[in-house]
Protein backbone atom coordinates (compact mmCIF):
# COMPACT_ATOMS: atom_id res chain seq x y z
CA MET A 1 -0.28 -0.20 -0.30
CA THR A 2 2.48 1.80 0.64
CA ILE A 3 4.12 1.85 -3.14
CA PHE A 4 0.73 2.70 -4.08
CA TYR A 5 0.83 6.12 -2.28
CA LEU A 6 3.74 7.19 -3.18
CA ALA A 7 3.55 6.47 -6.91
CA PHE A 8 -0.19 7.25 -7.37
CA LEU A 9 -0.92 10.47 -5.22
CA PRO A 10 2.14 12.39 -6.03
CA GLN A 11 0.26 13.09 -9.06
CA PHE A 12 -2.39 15.07 -7.22
CA VAL A 13 -0.07 17.89 -5.52
CA PRO A 14 0.76 20.53 -6.91
CA GLY A 15 4.80 20.86 -7.15
CA ASP A 16 4.75 24.49 -6.19
CA ALA A 17 2.40 23.13 -2.65
CA GLU A 18 3.51 24.55 0.18
CA HIS A 19 3.36 21.51 2.67
CA PRO A 20 3.16 18.64 -0.01
CA THR A 21 3.47 15.96 2.88
CA LEU A 22 0.27 17.32 4.42
CA LEU A 23 -1.82 17.09 1.46
CA ILE A 24 -0.12 13.65 0.26
CA SER A 25 -1.33 12.16 3.86
CA GLY A 26 -4.81 14.01 3.47
CA LEU A 27 -5.13 12.35 0.30
CA GLY A 28 -4.20 8.81 1.75
CA VAL A 29 -6.46 9.48 4.59
CA ALA A 30 -9.80 10.15 1.73
CA PHE A 31 -8.85 7.11 -0.06
CA SER A 32 -8.32 4.99 2.73
CA LEU A 33 -11.64 6.37 4.23
CA LEU A 34 -13.26 6.02 1.00
CA THR A 35 -11.91 2.54 0.40
CA PHE A 36 -13.45 1.46 3.99
CA LEU A 37 -16.40 2.62 3.29
CA VAL A 38 -17.28 1.12 -0.38
CA LYS A 39 -16.02 -2.09 0.86
CA GLY A 40 -17.56 -2.33 4.23
CA LEU A 41 -20.67 -1.59 2.27
CA VAL A 42 -20.09 -4.65 0.13
CA GLY A 43 -19.28 -6.69 2.40
CA TYR A 44 -22.34 -5.91 4.73
CA PHE A 45 -24.42 -6.35 1.45
CA ALA A 46 -22.78 -9.92 0.93
CA GLY A 47 -22.98 -11.36 3.98
CA THR A 48 -26.98 -10.51 4.42
CA LEU A 49 -26.70 -12.09 0.61
CA SER A 50 -25.38 -14.91 1.86
CA ALA A 51 -27.73 -15.31 5.08
CA TRP A 52 -30.46 -14.90 2.55
CA LEU A 53 -29.23 -17.82 0.29
CA ARG A 54 -28.61 -20.12 2.90
CA ALA A 55 -32.50 -19.84 4.20
CA ARG A 56 -33.35 -21.03 0.50
CA PRO A 57 -31.45 -23.42 -0.43
CA ARG A 58 -33.57 -24.09 -3.85
CA ALA A 59 -32.24 -20.12 -4.72
CA LEU A 60 -29.03 -21.34 -3.67
CA THR A 61 -29.38 -24.56 -6.33
CA GLY A 62 -30.50 -22.45 -8.42
CA VAL A 63 -27.42 -19.80 -8.74
CA TYR A 64 -25.01 -22.93 -8.56
CA ARG A 65 -26.86 -24.36 -11.63
CA THR A 66 -26.73 -21.23 -13.52
CA SER A 67 -22.92 -20.29 -12.79
CA GLY A 68 -22.13 -24.29 -13.80
CA ALA A 69 -24.18 -23.15 -17.12
CA MET A 70 -22.19 -20.24 -17.78
CA MET A 71 -18.83 -21.89 -17.10
CA VAL A 72 -19.91 -24.35 -19.42
CA GLY A 73 -20.92 -22.25 -21.85
CA MET A 74 -17.40 -20.24 -21.68
CA GLY A 75 -14.93 -23.14 -21.73
CA VAL A 76 -17.21 -24.36 -25.27
CA LYS A 77 -16.25 -20.70 -26.24
CA LEU A 78 -12.89 -20.84 -25.70
CA ALA A 79 -12.76 -24.24 -27.63
CA PHE A 80 -14.14 -23.47 -30.55
CA GLU A 81 -12.31 -19.53 -30.71
CA ARG A 82 -8.79 -21.28 -30.28
CA ARG A 83 -9.99 -23.54 -33.30
CA ALA A 84 -10.77 -20.55 -35.82
């Protein structure tokens, strides 16, 4: 993460900034907070969806069948692309 911050964030700080270290630190904190907010929501809703699916085995079976059919379809597509 440190390498990411040191490589990515300085391009958003003006060269003549009075306190560039403070600006980079502020950008890092803002990025961390936004990332936590987004990933926290994704984690919460993934847990909610998981609980919903576990309570409904037929829905989970449908998810398994659909994802399996998609995998088989992608495999068939890949097999025919390689022949062409």
